[in-house]
């Protein structure tokens, strides 16, 4: 299954223009079955969603799994999930993440008919101490949830790849990270966007979706990967679970 994460920057492109249609066109280029989006709603006021959901479905086949409590909103703290198929089952948890800025994460248990899997979608803060707390909160949540194939993805706002990385807490569960530069989109240098999988080996084929349109549509480039969520050749090993 192809998955993707994409910070759409409230549909504002690198040319300063707000063009939701360009975001939809990039999603059509990607052709993923599950997409985590960040910054999908207006920042203030009624937090109205910025995408045309009818055009999105017609052009890409993707539909929104609504997260917002606002009637016209798309996301939870800006996080939204798109899927290419109607899930047979869908259960979600929304988590407020600690930190200076208001941040959140979505935990969605899905089944398209090949077996259940979990998506954890998040947008971390700009401060390192906030990211440390936010990563720790997701590891804690992972520990009390029933185990199933899990993809963690989003804009985790961490550019360090050294021992000072705030994402090192994920390594015992998700293995060594393979960060790819996705920001800024015109000349990507920083690996702010990540896709991780549990058990190890679940996620492969990690790539940056770098096209002329993607470089213009948002200040982030999308990140894609293949996820073997049906569990072929994988075992949910007790050794991979966090210990209290």
Protein backbone atom coordinates (compact mmCIF):
# COMPACT_ATOMS: atom_id res chain seq x y z
CA UNK A 1 0.00 0.00 0.00
CA UNK A 2 1.37 3.41 -0.93
CA UNK A 3 1.24 6.01 1.84
CA UNK A 4 2.22 9.67 1.87
CA UNK A 5 2.57 12.65 4.16
CA UNK A 6 2.27 16.21 2.92
CA UNK A 7 2.31 19.56 4.69
CA UNK A 8 0.20 21.64 2.33
CA UNK A 9 1.02 24.98 4.01
CA UNK A 10 -2.65 26.02 3.94
CA UNK A 11 -2.48 25.65 0.15
CA UNK A 12 -0.15 28.64 -0.15
CA UNK A 13 2.53 28.01 -2.73
CA UNK A 14 6.08 29.24 -3.01
CA UNK A 15 4.81 31.98 -5.30
CA UNK A 16 2.64 33.34 -2.46
CA UNK A 17 -0.62 32.31 -4.14
CA UNK A 18 -3.31 30.26 -2.40
CA UNK A 19 -4.14 27.46 -4.86
CA UNK A 20 -5.93 24.41 -3.41
CA UNK A 21 -6.24 23.04 -6.94
CA UNK A 22 -2.47 22.67 -7.14
CA UNK A 23 -2.45 20.59 -3.96
CA UNK A 24 -5.09 18.30 -5.47
CA UNK A 25 -3.02 17.96 -8.63
CA UNK A 26 0.05 16.97 -6.59
CA UNK A 27 -2.03 14.36 -4.75
CA UNK A 28 -3.12 13.01 -8.13
CA UNK A 29 0.55 12.76 -9.15
CA UNK A 30 1.36 10.80 -5.98
CA UNK A 31 -1.45 8.24 -6.28
CA UNK A 32 -1.28 7.08 -2.65
CA UNK A 33 -3.97 5.02 -0.91
CA UNK A 34 -3.54 6.72 2.46
CA UNK A 35 -2.37 10.31 2.88
CA UNK A 36 -1.70 12.32 6.03
CA UNK A 37 -2.00 16.07 5.46
CA UNK A 38 -0.88 18.89 7.70
CA UNK A 39 -2.08 22.52 7.79
CA UNK A 40 -5.37 21.75 6.08
CA UNK A 41 -7.57 24.33 7.83
CA UNK A 42 -7.58 28.08 8.22
CA UNK A 43 -5.48 29.06 11.22
CA UNK A 44 -8.01 31.33 12.92
CA UNK A 45 -11.74 31.81 13.22
CA UNK A 46 -13.96 28.84 12.36
CA UNK A 47 -10.98 26.77 11.10
CA UNK A 48 -12.65 26.07 7.74
CA UNK A 49 -11.04 23.36 5.61
CA UNK A 50 -9.19 24.65 2.57
CA UNK A 51 -9.65 21.81 0.08
CA UNK A 52 -12.54 21.28 -2.30
CA UNK A 53 -13.51 17.77 -1.21
CA UNK A 54 -15.69 17.09 -4.26
CA UNK A 55 -12.88 18.06 -6.64
CA UNK A 56 -10.45 16.04 -4.54
CA UNK A 57 -12.55 12.91 -4.89
CA UNK A 58 -13.23 13.40 -8.60
CA UNK A 59 -9.59 14.03 -9.51
CA UNK A 60 -7.77 11.68 -7.14
CA UNK A 61 -10.31 9.17 -5.79
CA UNK A 62 -9.32 10.24 -2.26
CA UNK A 63 -11.91 10.93 0.41
CA UNK A 64 -11.57 12.66 3.75
CA UNK A 65 -11.87 10.81 7.03
CA UNK A 66 -13.14 13.86 8.90
CA UNK A 67 -11.33 14.72 12.12
CA UNK A 68 -12.58 18.21 12.88
CA UNK A 69 -15.43 19.10 15.23
CA UNK A 70 -16.12 22.17 13.08
CA UNK A 71 -18.80 21.52 10.42
CA UNK A 72 -16.58 22.75 7.58
CA UNK A 73 -13.24 21.74 9.04
CA UNK A 74 -10.99 18.98 7.73
CA UNK A 75 -8.42 18.29 10.43
CA UNK A 76 -7.48 17.91 14.07
CA UNK A 77 -4.92 20.60 14.89
CA UNK A 78 -4.45 20.77 11.13
CA UNK A 79 -3.95 17.00 10.67
CA UNK A 80 -6.21 15.25 8.16
CA UNK A 81 -6.39 11.74 6.70
CA UNK A 82 -7.33 10.87 3.13
CA UNK A 83 -8.07 7.35 1.91
CA UNK A 84 -8.63 5.92 -1.56
CA UNK A 85 -11.06 3.23 -0.36
CA UNK A 86 -13.93 3.20 2.08
CA UNK A 87 -12.63 1.26 5.09
CA UNK A 88 -14.58 -1.73 6.33
CA UNK A 89 -13.80 -0.54 9.82
CA UNK A 90 -12.47 2.72 11.19
CA UNK A 91 -11.71 3.74 14.74
CA UNK A 92 -9.92 6.92 15.70
CA UNK A 93 -8.34 8.52 18.72
CA UNK A 94 -7.34 12.18 18.82
CA UNK A 95 -4.50 13.18 21.12
CA UNK A 96 -3.52 16.64 22.28
CA UNK A 97 0.25 16.76 22.26
CA UNK A 98 2.22 18.58 24.97
CA UNK A 99 4.25 21.66 24.12
CA UNK A 100 4.23 25.42 23.88
CA UNK A 101 2.07 25.52 20.73
CA UNK A 102 -1.28 23.74 20.37
CA UNK A 103 -0.48 20.49 18.56
CA UNK A 104 -2.27 17.19 18.05
CA UNK A 105 -2.07 13.71 16.58
CA UNK A 106 -4.56 11.31 15.03
CA UNK A 107 -4.44 7.59 15.69
CA UNK A 108 -6.62 5.72 13.19
CA UNK A 109 -7.22 1.96 13.12
CA UNK A 110 -8.31 0.97 9.62
CA UNK A 111 -9.20 -2.17 7.69
CA UNK A 112 -9.68 -2.16 3.93
CA UNK A 113 -10.43 -5.88 3.91
CA UNK A 114 -6.88 -7.25 4.08
CA UNK A 115 -6.55 -6.94 7.85
CA UNK A 116 -6.31 -4.11 10.38
CA UNK A 117 -3.50 -1.58 10.49
CA UNK A 118 -2.86 1.66 12.29
CA UNK A 119 -1.95 5.14 11.09
CA UNK A 120 -0.47 7.69 13.50
CA UNK A 121 -0.44 11.15 11.90
CA UNK A 122 1.11 14.13 13.66
CA UNK A 123 2.54 17.60 13.26
CA UNK A 124 5.22 18.34 15.87
CA UNK A 125 6.21 21.72 17.28
CA UNK A 126 9.02 24.07 16.39
CA UNK A 127 10.83 23.81 19.73
CA UNK A 128 13.06 20.83 20.49
CA UNK A 129 11.78 20.40 24.03
CA UNK A 130 8.22 20.30 22.69
CA UNK A 131 9.16 17.68 20.11
CA UNK A 132 10.79 15.54 22.79
CA UNK A 133 7.57 15.60 24.83
CA UNK A 134 5.41 14.99 21.75
CA UNK A 135 7.46 12.01 20.60
CA UNK A 136 7.32 10.60 24.13
CA UNK A 137 3.54 11.01 24.20
CA UNK A 138 3.18 8.97 21.00
CA UNK A 139 5.47 6.23 22.30
CA UNK A 140 3.35 6.07 25.46
CA UNK A 141 0.16 5.85 23.39
CA UNK A 142 1.72 3.11 21.25
CA UNK A 143 2.40 1.13 24.42
CA UNK A 144 -1.20 1.01 25.62
CA UNK A 145 -2.78 0.35 22.22
CA UNK A 146 -3.30 -3.25 21.04
CA UNK A 147 -0.45 -4.17 18.65
CA UNK A 148 -1.05 -4.08 14.90
CA UNK A 149 1.01 -2.99 11.87
CA UNK A 150 1.60 0.74 12.37
CA UNK A 151 2.70 3.59 10.13
CA UNK A 152 3.73 6.82 11.87
CA UNK A 153 3.97 9.78 9.55
CA UNK A 154 3.77 13.54 9.42
CA UNK A 155 5.69 16.77 9.62
CA UNK A 156 7.83 16.08 12.70
CA UNK A 157 9.80 19.31 12.32
CA UNK A 158 13.15 17.73 13.18
CA UNK A 159 16.16 18.45 11.00
CA UNK A 160 18.83 16.98 13.26
CA UNK A 161 20.01 13.47 12.44
CA UNK A 162 22.55 13.30 15.24
CA UNK A 163 22.18 12.13 18.82
CA UNK A 164 20.45 15.45 19.58
CA UNK A 165 17.49 14.51 17.39
CA UNK A 166 14.23 14.66 19.30
CA UNK A 167 13.06 11.63 17.31
CA UNK A 168 15.62 9.19 18.72
CA UNK A 169 12.95 7.99 21.16
CA UNK A 170 11.25 6.27 18.20
CA UNK A 171 14.28 4.18 17.24
CA UNK A 172 13.72 1.22 19.64
CA UNK A 173 10.28 0.72 18.07
CA UNK A 174 10.63 1.85 14.47
CA UNK A 175 14.31 1.22 13.85
CA UNK A 176 16.91 3.55 12.43
CA UNK A 177 15.46 6.51 10.55
CA UNK A 178 16.34 7.22 6.93
CA UNK A 179 15.63 10.96 6.71
CA UNK A 180 15.21 12.53 3.30
CA UNK A 181 15.25 16.30 2.67
CA UNK A 182 11.76 17.64 1.97
CA UNK A 183 11.97 21.30 3.05
CA UNK A 184 12.05 23.93 1.65
CA UNK A 185 10.42 22.62 -1.48
CA UNK A 186 12.33 24.80 -3.95
CA UNK A 187 15.67 23.55 -2.68
CA UNK A 188 15.10 20.81 -0.09
CA UNK A 189 17.74 20.61 2.63
CA UNK A 190 15.97 19.60 5.85
CA UNK A 191 14.29 16.21 6.53
CA UNK A 192 11.28 17.61 8.40
CA UNK A 193 8.79 15.03 7.11
CA UNK A 194 9.04 11.38 8.17
CA UNK A 195 7.41 8.00 7.57
CA UNK A 196 8.20 5.21 10.05
CA UNK A 197 6.83 1.68 10.37
CA UNK A 198 6.35 -1.00 13.02
CA UNK A 199 7.30 -3.84 13.00
CA UNK A 200 10.63 -3.02 11.44
CA UNK A 201 10.57 -3.70 7.73
CA UNK A 202 6.93 -2.74 7.35
CA UNK A 203 7.81 0.49 5.52
CA UNK A 204 10.13 0.52 2.50
CA UNK A 205 10.69 2.47 -0.70
CA UNK A 206 10.83 5.82 1.07
CA UNK A 207 10.99 8.68 -1.44
CA UNK A 208 10.49 12.43 -1.81
CA UNK A 209 7.88 13.35 -4.41
CA UNK A 210 9.87 16.01 -6.21
CA UNK A 211 8.17 17.42 -9.30
CA UNK A 212 7.94 20.94 -10.74
CA UNK A 213 4.36 21.24 -9.49
CA UNK A 214 5.20 19.96 -6.00
CA UNK A 215 8.02 22.50 -5.74
CA UNK A 216 5.49 25.27 -6.37
CA UNK A 217 2.33 24.07 -4.57
CA UNK A 218 3.65 24.17 -0.97
CA UNK A 219 6.80 24.94 0.99
CA UNK A 220 7.16 21.20 1.78
CA UNK A 221 7.60 18.36 -0.68
CA UNK A 222 5.47 15.24 -0.06
CA UNK A 223 7.11 12.10 1.29
CA UNK A 224 5.94 8.67 0.09
CA UNK A 225 6.58 5.03 0.98
CA UNK A 226 5.24 1.53 0.52
CA UNK A 227 3.81 -0.16 3.62
CA UNK A 228 3.20 -3.92 3.85
CA UNK A 229 0.30 -3.47 6.25
CA UNK A 230 -1.21 -6.86 5.43
CA UNK A 231 1.68 -8.32 7.42
CA UNK A 232 3.10 -10.61 4.70
CA UNK A 233 6.46 -11.86 5.92
CA UNK A 234 6.20 -9.86 9.15
CA UNK A 235 5.68 -10.90 12.76
CA UNK A 236 4.50 -8.74 15.61
CA UNK A 237 7.35 -9.51 17.93
CA UNK A 238 6.96 -9.01 21.65
CA UNK A 239 10.56 -7.79 21.67
CA UNK A 240 9.52 -4.74 19.63
CA UNK A 241 6.97 -3.56 22.19
CA UNK A 242 7.90 -0.76 24.59
CA UNK A 243 8.51 -1.83 28.15
CA UNK A 244 7.32 0.09 31.16
